[in-house]
Protein backbone atom coordinates (compact mmCIF):
# COMPACT_ATOMS: atom_id res chain seq x y z
CA MET A 1 44.99 -30.26 -8.53
CA SER A 2 42.40 -32.77 -9.43
CA ASP A 3 40.16 -31.56 -6.34
CA CYS A 4 38.38 -28.04 -6.74
CA THR A 5 38.60 -27.33 -3.05
CA ILE A 6 42.00 -26.14 -3.16
CA SER A 7 41.12 -22.84 -4.41
CA LEU A 8 38.65 -22.46 -1.58
CA GLY A 9 40.95 -23.67 1.06
CA TYR A 10 38.86 -26.44 2.26
CA PRO A 11 41.30 -29.55 2.29
CA ALA A 12 39.40 -32.72 1.59
CA VAL A 13 39.01 -35.23 4.51
CA GLY A 14 37.60 -38.65 3.48
CA ARG A 15 35.06 -39.43 0.61
CA GLY A 16 32.63 -36.25 0.60
CA ALA A 17 33.41 -35.08 4.24
CA VAL A 18 34.94 -31.60 4.49
CA GLU A 19 36.91 -30.43 7.50
CA GLY A 20 36.20 -26.75 7.97
CA ALA A 21 33.23 -26.52 5.54
CA PRO A 22 30.54 -24.04 5.92
CA ALA A 23 28.32 -26.65 7.17
CA GLU A 24 28.02 -30.36 8.12
CA GLY A 25 26.97 -33.07 5.53
CA LEU A 26 28.07 -31.08 2.32
CA GLU A 27 29.04 -33.67 -0.04
CA LEU A 28 32.15 -32.63 -2.55
CA ARG A 29 31.67 -32.91 -6.20
CA SER A 30 33.91 -35.34 -8.44
CA ALA A 31 36.60 -33.50 -9.96
CA LEU A 32 35.11 -33.49 -13.20
CA ASP A 33 31.58 -32.66 -12.18
CA CYS A 34 33.08 -29.80 -10.32
CA TRP A 35 35.01 -28.50 -13.00
CA ALA A 36 31.72 -28.85 -15.45
CA CYS A 37 29.86 -26.95 -12.73
CA ALA A 38 32.11 -24.28 -12.33
CA ILE A 39 32.00 -23.67 -16.23
CA LEU A 40 28.43 -23.37 -16.10
CA VAL A 41 28.40 -21.20 -13.04
CA THR A 42 30.95 -18.88 -14.76
CA ALA A 43 28.99 -18.90 -17.83
CA GLN A 44 25.88 -17.60 -15.88
CA ASN A 45 27.75 -14.90 -14.29
CA ILE A 46 29.17 -13.74 -17.49
CA LEU A 47 25.70 -13.54 -19.09
CA VAL A 48 24.25 -11.68 -16.10
CA THR A 49 27.32 -9.47 -16.58
CA LEU A 50 26.61 -8.40 -20.19
CA LEU A 51 22.99 -8.31 -19.07
CA ASN A 52 24.11 -5.26 -16.77
CA MET A 53 26.42 -3.74 -19.29
CA LEU A 54 23.69 -4.00 -21.83
CA LEU A 55 21.27 -2.07 -19.23
CA ILE A 56 23.82 0.49 -18.25
CA VAL A 57 24.80 1.46 -21.84
CA THR A 58 21.19 1.67 -22.93
CA ILE A 59 20.10 3.95 -19.94
CA SER A 60 23.32 6.04 -20.01
CA GLY A 61 23.02 6.39 -23.97
CA SER A 62 19.23 7.40 -23.46
CA VAL A 63 20.05 9.75 -20.76
CA LEU A 64 23.12 11.57 -21.99
CA THR A 65 21.81 12.07 -25.66
CA PRO A 66 20.97 15.97 -25.25
CA ALA A 67 24.63 16.58 -23.97
CA ILE A 68 26.06 14.35 -26.54
CA ALA A 69 24.14 16.17 -29.12
CA MET A 70 25.01 19.60 -27.95
CA ILE A 71 28.81 18.79 -28.06
CA VAL A 72 28.71 17.14 -31.22
CA PHE A 73 26.84 20.12 -33.25
CA GLY A 74 29.34 22.47 -31.03
CA PHE A 75 32.12 20.85 -32.66
CA LEU A 76 30.91 20.15 -36.06
CA CYS A 77 29.63 23.95 -36.37
CA HIS A 78 32.98 25.65 -34.99
CA SER A 79 35.08 27.40 -37.47
CA GLN A 80 38.15 26.37 -35.76
CA VAL A 81 37.51 22.88 -35.10
CA LEU A 82 35.52 21.60 -38.49
CA ASN A 83 34.00 24.71 -40.46
CA SER A 84 31.18 22.70 -41.53
CA ARG A 85 29.17 24.57 -44.57
CA ALA A 86 25.99 22.74 -43.48
CA ALA A 87 22.81 24.78 -43.67
CA HIS A 88 22.24 24.70 -39.88
CA CYS A 89 25.77 25.68 -39.32
CA THR A 90 25.88 28.58 -41.44
CA GLU A 91 22.23 29.81 -41.12
CA VAL A 92 21.57 29.04 -37.43
CA LEU A 93 24.96 28.99 -35.47
CA ASN A 94 27.91 31.25 -35.43
CA ASP A 95 31.52 30.68 -33.30
CA ASN A 96 29.76 32.16 -30.13
CA SER A 97 26.98 29.81 -30.29
CA SER A 98 29.00 26.90 -31.14
CA THR A 99 31.18 27.74 -28.02
CA ALA A 100 28.03 28.20 -26.21
CA LEU A 101 26.78 24.62 -27.18
CA LEU A 102 30.17 23.02 -26.23
CA VAL A 103 30.12 24.67 -22.90
CA VAL A 104 26.44 23.86 -21.82
CA GLY A 105 27.09 20.22 -23.08
CA PHE A 106 30.20 19.71 -21.12
CA VAL A 107 28.55 21.35 -18.04
CA LEU A 108 25.45 18.79 -18.38
CA VAL A 109 27.58 15.92 -18.77
CA THR A 110 28.29 15.45 -14.96
CA PRO A 111 24.59 15.87 -13.70
CA LEU A 112 23.05 13.37 -16.32
CA ALA A 113 25.92 10.82 -15.59
CA VAL A 114 24.64 10.91 -11.89
CA LEU A 115 21.18 10.85 -13.21
CA ALA A 116 21.72 7.80 -15.39
CA LEU A 117 23.52 6.02 -12.72
CA SER A 118 21.44 6.55 -10.10
CA ALA A 119 18.24 5.33 -12.92
CA TYR A 120 20.45 2.18 -13.39
CA CYS A 121 20.80 1.38 -9.74
CA ARG A 122 17.49 1.83 -8.88
CA LEU A 123 16.41 -0.23 -11.86
CA ALA A 124 18.97 -2.83 -10.98
CA ARG A 125 17.75 -3.45 -7.54
CA ARG A 126 14.26 -3.53 -8.17
CA LEU A 127 15.13 -6.53 -10.76
CA GLN A 128 16.89 -7.81 -7.88
CA LEU A 129 20.07 -8.41 -10.70
CA GLY A 130 22.69 -9.01 -8.05
CA LEU A 131 20.75 -12.18 -7.12
CA CYS A 132 21.38 -13.63 -10.50
CA PHE A 133 25.20 -14.20 -9.95
CA VAL A 134 25.99 -17.78 -8.66
CA PRO A 135 28.53 -18.27 -6.16
CA TYR A 136 31.25 -20.84 -7.05
CA SER A 137 30.43 -22.88 -3.64
CA LYS A 138 27.41 -24.48 -5.94
CA ALA A 139 29.98 -25.80 -8.20
CA VAL A 140 32.02 -27.57 -5.15
CA TYR A 141 29.79 -28.81 -3.06
CA ARG A 142 26.39 -31.08 -3.85
CA ASN A 143 23.08 -30.03 -2.50
CA LEU A 144 24.03 -26.79 -0.92
CA PRO A 145 21.45 -25.57 1.23
CA ALA A 146 19.86 -22.48 0.22
CA SER A 147 21.07 -20.43 3.27
CA HIS A 148 24.56 -20.50 2.00
CA TYR A 149 23.81 -18.31 -0.88
CA ARG A 150 21.71 -15.75 -1.54
CA GLY A 151 20.52 -16.44 -5.13
CA GLY A 152 17.41 -18.49 -6.10
CA GLY A 153 18.95 -19.35 -9.14
CA GLY A 154 16.52 -20.18 -12.44
CA LEU A 155 14.19 -17.08 -12.19
CA CYS A 156 16.47 -14.84 -10.09
CA CYS A 157 15.12 -11.51 -11.48
CA LEU A 158 11.45 -12.00 -10.45
CA ARG A 159 10.39 -11.45 -7.11
CA VAL A 160 8.91 -13.98 -4.63
CA GLY A 161 6.70 -13.52 -1.96
CA LYS A 162 5.59 -10.37 -0.43
CA THR A 163 7.95 -7.47 0.23
CA THR A 164 7.47 -4.77 2.90
CA ARG A 165 9.26 -1.23 2.04
CA LYS A 166 10.18 1.21 4.63
CA VAL A 167 10.83 4.95 3.41
CA TRP A 168 13.14 6.98 5.59
CA VAL A 169 12.69 10.69 4.72
C-alpha cells in the first residue's frame, strides 16, 4: 500500500506512466507526496463541508424561527405540559390558544423548511460552493489538467468571467 493509485484502480507502470489513466502524460506523485496531498485535499473538503453546514443552519434557523417560537410558547403555556405561571401565559394565553399555537406552529414547519432549503440551494448555487470541493485525483497526479476536474482551486467561490442566464418559464 505504498502507492496511492491502488484506491483509484490505476496500476502503476514504470516511473510516472499510468496505464488506463484519464489522460496520457500524467505523472504520479511519490507515495509521501501523495499522502500529504490527500490529507490537504481532505482538510479542504472538510472545511467546505463545515461552511455548507454553517450556512444551512444559519438559513434554516432564521427561516424557522416563527414556527419554533409558536411551538415553544404553546408548550410553555399549556396547562397539561408545563403549566407556567408567567405573565404572558396567565393574562394572554389559555389552553385553547396554546393548542392553537401548537397546531399552527407544527403546520408551518414543513413549508418553512422547504423555503429554507430552497434558499440554501439558491445561495449555494450562486456562490458555487460545489466547485470548492477538490477531487482526490489532484492528490494522486502531478500537473493534472483543469479539464479533469471542475474546481478552480484557490478562490473557488468567486465567479470568473461573464455568465449568461437562461430563464425557462
